[in-house]
């Protein structure tokens, strides 16, 4: 099974997924970011900004 990031990576594009919220069922929902070739640092920086703005990583099991 191929993830959506696999297709971007096969084309030489950096890609990653960022969790943004939990669904009503408690499962993580995320967005995929795809950057330009050679722009891995920019992509990771953008992911960090999104994570900061949206509250960070969400544990599907809830707070511990």
Protein backbone atom coordinates (compact mmCIF):
# COMPACT_ATOMS: atom_id res chain seq x y z
CA UNK A 1 0.00 0.00 0.00
CA UNK A 2 1.42 3.38 -0.99
CA UNK A 3 0.80 6.53 1.02
CA UNK A 4 0.16 9.79 -0.76
CA UNK A 5 3.62 10.99 0.33
CA UNK A 6 5.14 8.12 -1.67
CA UNK A 7 4.03 9.62 -5.00
CA UNK A 8 5.56 13.00 -4.22
CA UNK A 9 8.78 11.37 -3.02
CA UNK A 10 8.97 9.25 -6.20
CA UNK A 11 8.96 12.51 -8.15
CA UNK A 12 11.78 13.86 -5.98
CA UNK A 13 9.54 16.22 -4.01
CA UNK A 14 9.71 16.39 -0.22
CA UNK A 15 6.40 15.59 1.46
CA UNK A 16 5.13 15.15 4.98
CA UNK A 17 1.87 14.93 6.89
CA UNK A 18 0.89 17.15 9.83
CA UNK A 19 -1.87 16.17 12.28
CA UNK A 20 -4.34 19.03 12.73
CA UNK A 21 -7.24 17.68 14.81
CA UNK A 22 -9.05 14.60 16.05
CA UNK A 23 -12.14 13.31 14.28
CA UNK A 24 -15.41 12.69 16.12
CA UNK A 25 -14.25 9.07 16.40
CA UNK A 26 -11.03 10.24 18.09
CA UNK A 27 -8.77 9.49 15.13
CA UNK A 28 -6.11 11.94 13.96
CA UNK A 29 -6.90 14.03 10.88
CA UNK A 30 -4.03 15.65 9.04
CA UNK A 31 -2.93 17.61 6.02
CA UNK A 32 -0.21 16.69 3.57
CA UNK A 33 2.42 19.24 2.61
CA UNK A 34 4.47 18.90 -0.57
CA UNK A 35 7.44 21.16 -1.25
CA UNK A 36 9.76 21.99 -4.10
CA UNK A 37 12.84 19.91 -4.79
CA UNK A 38 15.59 20.78 -2.38
CA UNK A 39 13.25 22.70 -0.04
CA UNK A 40 13.04 20.15 2.75
CA UNK A 41 14.00 22.71 5.40
CA UNK A 42 11.30 25.10 4.22
CA UNK A 43 8.72 22.31 4.35
CA UNK A 44 9.73 21.25 7.86
CA UNK A 45 9.65 24.88 9.01
CA UNK A 46 6.13 25.27 7.60
CA UNK A 47 5.05 22.07 9.35
CA UNK A 48 6.44 23.47 12.61
CA UNK A 49 4.47 26.70 12.16
CA UNK A 50 1.27 24.75 11.47
CA UNK A 51 1.85 22.54 14.47
CA UNK A 52 2.42 25.58 16.69
CA UNK A 53 -0.65 27.40 15.36
CA UNK A 54 -2.91 24.35 15.70
CA UNK A 55 -1.83 23.28 19.16
CA UNK A 56 0.74 20.59 18.44
CA UNK A 57 0.54 16.82 18.31
CA UNK A 58 -2.73 15.30 19.48
CA UNK A 59 -2.70 11.95 21.27
CA UNK A 60 -5.64 9.83 20.05
CA UNK A 61 -5.75 8.25 23.52
CA UNK A 62 -6.22 11.66 25.12
CA UNK A 63 -4.12 13.43 27.73
CA UNK A 64 -2.18 11.27 30.15
